[in-house]
């Protein structure tokens, strides 16, 4: 599950059902996902807003999973 890869608690699923909060939560999850693969916060924003471009870059590029970021 993407929350586990990003290092976020599983209860964050609830945040995705709250209007307006779900957008903020998704952006934070994508930023944490980018950090888990050694990418920057800007790359995380790219995942959030231009996912159809950035997810293939993450998946087919040379990024390696380095672990969930500590926060």
N, C-alpha and C. Protein backbone atom coordinates (compact mmCIF):
# COMPACT_ATOMS: atom_id res chain seq x y z
N UNK A 1 0.84 -1.18 0.00
CA UNK A 1 0.00 0.00 0.00
C UNK A 1 0.89 1.24 0.00
N UNK A 2 0.45 2.26 -0.69
CA UNK A 2 1.27 3.45 -0.87
C UNK A 2 1.57 4.16 0.45
N UNK A 3 0.65 4.09 1.41
CA UNK A 3 0.89 4.72 2.71
C UNK A 3 2.03 4.03 3.45
N UNK A 4 2.13 2.72 3.34
CA UNK A 4 3.22 2.00 4.00
C UNK A 4 4.56 2.32 3.35
N UNK A 5 4.58 2.41 2.04
CA UNK A 5 5.82 2.76 1.34
C UNK A 5 6.26 4.17 1.71
N UNK A 6 5.30 5.07 1.84
CA UNK A 6 5.60 6.47 2.17
C UNK A 6 5.89 6.66 3.66
N UNK A 7 5.62 5.65 4.48
CA UNK A 7 5.90 5.76 5.90
C UNK A 7 4.82 6.48 6.69
N UNK A 8 3.63 6.56 6.14
CA UNK A 8 2.52 7.22 6.83
C UNK A 8 1.68 6.16 7.54
N UNK A 9 1.05 6.52 8.66
CA UNK A 9 0.20 5.55 9.37
C UNK A 9 -1.03 5.17 8.55
N UNK A 10 -1.51 3.97 8.77
CA UNK A 10 -2.62 3.44 7.99
C UNK A 10 -3.92 4.21 8.22
N UNK A 11 -4.04 4.88 9.36
CA UNK A 11 -5.27 5.62 9.64
C UNK A 11 -5.43 6.84 8.74
N UNK A 12 -4.40 7.19 7.98
CA UNK A 12 -4.50 8.31 7.05
C UNK A 12 -5.52 8.05 5.95
N UNK A 13 -5.94 6.80 5.79
CA UNK A 13 -6.98 6.49 4.82
C UNK A 13 -8.23 7.31 5.11
N UNK A 14 -8.50 7.54 6.39
CA UNK A 14 -9.67 8.32 6.79
C UNK A 14 -9.58 9.74 6.23
N UNK A 15 -8.38 10.29 6.18
CA UNK A 15 -8.21 11.66 5.69
C UNK A 15 -8.61 11.81 4.22
N UNK A 16 -8.52 10.71 3.48
CA UNK A 16 -8.87 10.77 2.06
C UNK A 16 -10.37 10.87 1.83
N UNK A 17 -11.18 10.66 2.86
CA UNK A 17 -12.63 10.77 2.73
C UNK A 17 -13.16 12.12 3.18
N UNK A 18 -12.30 12.99 3.69
CA UNK A 18 -12.71 14.31 4.16
C UNK A 18 -12.43 15.33 3.05
N UNK A 19 -13.47 16.02 2.56
CA UNK A 19 -13.26 16.98 1.48
C UNK A 19 -12.24 18.06 1.87
N UNK A 20 -11.46 18.47 0.93
CA UNK A 20 -10.39 19.47 1.04
C UNK A 20 -9.18 18.94 1.80
N UNK A 21 -9.39 18.18 2.85
CA UNK A 21 -8.27 17.60 3.59
C UNK A 21 -7.60 16.53 2.73
N UNK A 22 -8.38 15.83 1.90
CA UNK A 22 -7.82 14.77 1.07
C UNK A 22 -6.77 15.29 0.09
N UNK A 23 -6.92 16.50 -0.38
CA UNK A 23 -5.94 17.07 -1.31
C UNK A 23 -4.61 17.30 -0.60
N UNK A 24 -4.67 17.86 0.59
CA UNK A 24 -3.45 18.11 1.37
C UNK A 24 -2.79 16.78 1.75
N UNK A 25 -3.59 15.82 2.19
CA UNK A 25 -3.05 14.51 2.59
C UNK A 25 -2.39 13.83 1.40
N UNK A 26 -3.00 13.90 0.24
CA UNK A 26 -2.42 13.26 -0.95
C UNK A 26 -1.08 13.90 -1.32
N UNK A 27 -1.01 15.21 -1.25
CA UNK A 27 0.24 15.90 -1.55
C UNK A 27 1.33 15.48 -0.57
N UNK A 28 1.00 15.40 0.72
CA UNK A 28 1.98 14.98 1.73
C UNK A 28 2.43 13.53 1.51
N UNK A 29 1.51 12.67 1.11
CA UNK A 29 1.86 11.27 0.84
C UNK A 29 2.78 11.19 -0.37
N UNK A 30 2.49 11.95 -1.42
CA UNK A 30 3.33 11.90 -2.61
C UNK A 30 4.72 12.47 -2.34
N UNK A 31 4.82 13.50 -1.52
CA UNK A 31 6.13 14.03 -1.15
C UNK A 31 6.92 13.00 -0.35
N UNK A 32 6.26 12.32 0.59
CA UNK A 32 6.92 11.27 1.36
C UNK A 32 7.32 10.10 0.47
N UNK A 33 6.50 9.79 -0.52
CA UNK A 33 6.83 8.72 -1.47
C UNK A 33 8.08 9.07 -2.27
N UNK A 34 8.16 10.32 -2.71
CA UNK A 34 9.35 10.75 -3.45
C UNK A 34 10.59 10.66 -2.57
N UNK A 35 10.48 11.07 -1.31
CA UNK A 35 11.63 10.99 -0.39
C UNK A 35 12.03 9.54 -0.13
N UNK A 36 11.05 8.63 -0.12
CA UNK A 36 11.34 7.21 0.11
C UNK A 36 12.17 6.62 -1.03
N UNK A 37 12.11 7.26 -2.19
CA UNK A 37 12.90 6.81 -3.33
C UNK A 37 14.09 7.72 -3.61
N UNK A 38 14.41 8.60 -2.66
CA UNK A 38 15.58 9.45 -2.79
C UNK A 38 15.39 10.65 -3.69
N UNK A 39 14.18 11.03 -3.94
CA UNK A 39 13.88 12.19 -4.80
C UNK A 39 13.55 13.40 -3.92
N UNK A 40 13.44 14.56 -4.53
CA UNK A 40 13.19 15.80 -3.80
C UNK A 40 11.71 16.04 -3.58
N UNK A 41 11.42 17.09 -2.81
CA UNK A 41 10.03 17.48 -2.57
C UNK A 41 9.38 17.97 -3.86
N UNK A 42 10.15 18.59 -4.72
CA UNK A 42 9.63 19.06 -6.00
C UNK A 42 9.16 17.88 -6.84
N UNK A 43 9.91 16.79 -6.80
CA UNK A 43 9.49 15.57 -7.50
C UNK A 43 8.19 15.05 -6.91
N UNK A 44 8.02 15.16 -5.59
CA UNK A 44 6.78 14.76 -4.95
C UNK A 44 5.60 15.59 -5.41
N UNK A 45 5.82 16.89 -5.60
CA UNK A 45 4.76 17.74 -6.14
C UNK A 45 4.44 17.35 -7.58
N UNK A 46 5.46 16.95 -8.31
CA UNK A 46 5.23 16.46 -9.67
C UNK A 46 4.39 15.19 -9.66
N UNK A 47 4.63 14.31 -8.69
CA UNK A 47 3.81 13.11 -8.56
C UNK A 47 2.36 13.47 -8.28
N UNK A 48 2.15 14.50 -7.48
CA UNK A 48 0.80 14.89 -7.10
C UNK A 48 0.05 15.56 -8.25
N UNK A 49 0.71 16.41 -9.00
CA UNK A 49 0.00 17.20 -10.00
C UNK A 49 0.17 16.70 -11.44
N UNK A 50 1.26 16.04 -11.72
CA UNK A 50 1.52 15.51 -13.06
C UNK A 50 1.92 14.03 -12.95
N UNK A 51 1.10 13.28 -12.27
CA UNK A 51 1.41 11.88 -12.00
C UNK A 51 1.62 11.04 -13.24
N UNK A 52 0.89 11.33 -14.32
CA UNK A 52 1.03 10.55 -15.54
C UNK A 52 2.41 10.69 -16.17
N UNK A 53 3.16 11.71 -15.78
CA UNK A 53 4.54 11.88 -16.24
C UNK A 53 5.53 11.35 -15.20
N UNK A 54 5.30 11.70 -13.92
CA UNK A 54 6.29 11.42 -12.89
C UNK A 54 6.26 9.98 -12.37
N UNK A 55 5.11 9.33 -12.36
CA UNK A 55 5.08 7.93 -11.93
C UNK A 55 5.86 7.01 -12.87
N UNK A 56 5.75 7.16 -14.19
CA UNK A 56 6.63 6.35 -15.05
C UNK A 56 8.11 6.65 -14.87
N UNK A 57 8.45 7.92 -14.61
CA UNK A 57 9.85 8.26 -14.34
C UNK A 57 10.32 7.54 -13.09
N UNK A 58 9.48 7.52 -12.06
CA UNK A 58 9.83 6.85 -10.82
C UNK A 58 9.91 5.34 -11.02
N UNK A 59 8.95 4.78 -11.76
CA UNK A 59 8.89 3.34 -11.93
C UNK A 59 9.94 2.77 -12.86
N UNK A 60 10.23 3.47 -13.95
CA UNK A 60 11.15 2.95 -14.95
C UNK A 60 12.53 3.58 -14.88
N UNK A 61 12.71 4.56 -14.01
CA UNK A 61 14.01 5.21 -13.87
C UNK A 61 14.94 4.41 -12.98
N UNK A 62 15.99 5.05 -12.53
CA UNK A 62 17.00 4.37 -11.72
C UNK A 62 16.78 4.56 -10.22
N UNK A 63 15.61 5.03 -9.81
CA UNK A 63 15.33 5.27 -8.39
C UNK A 63 15.23 3.95 -7.65
N UNK A 64 15.83 3.90 -6.49
CA UNK A 64 15.78 2.72 -5.61
C UNK A 64 15.09 3.11 -4.31
N UNK A 65 14.34 2.18 -3.77
CA UNK A 65 13.67 2.41 -2.50
C UNK A 65 14.70 2.43 -1.39
N UNK A 66 14.79 3.55 -0.67
CA UNK A 66 15.78 3.67 0.40
C UNK A 66 15.13 3.62 1.78
N UNK A 67 13.83 3.49 1.81
CA UNK A 67 13.13 3.42 3.08
C UNK A 67 12.26 4.64 3.30
N UNK A 68 11.28 4.46 4.15
CA UNK A 68 10.36 5.55 4.44
C UNK A 68 11.10 6.68 5.16
N UNK A 69 10.76 7.92 4.81
CA UNK A 69 11.44 9.05 5.46
C UNK A 69 11.06 9.15 6.92
N UNK A 70 11.97 9.60 7.72
CA UNK A 70 11.71 9.79 9.15
C UNK A 70 11.07 11.15 9.33
N UNK A 71 9.94 11.18 10.01
CA UNK A 71 9.30 12.48 10.25
C UNK A 71 8.66 12.54 11.62
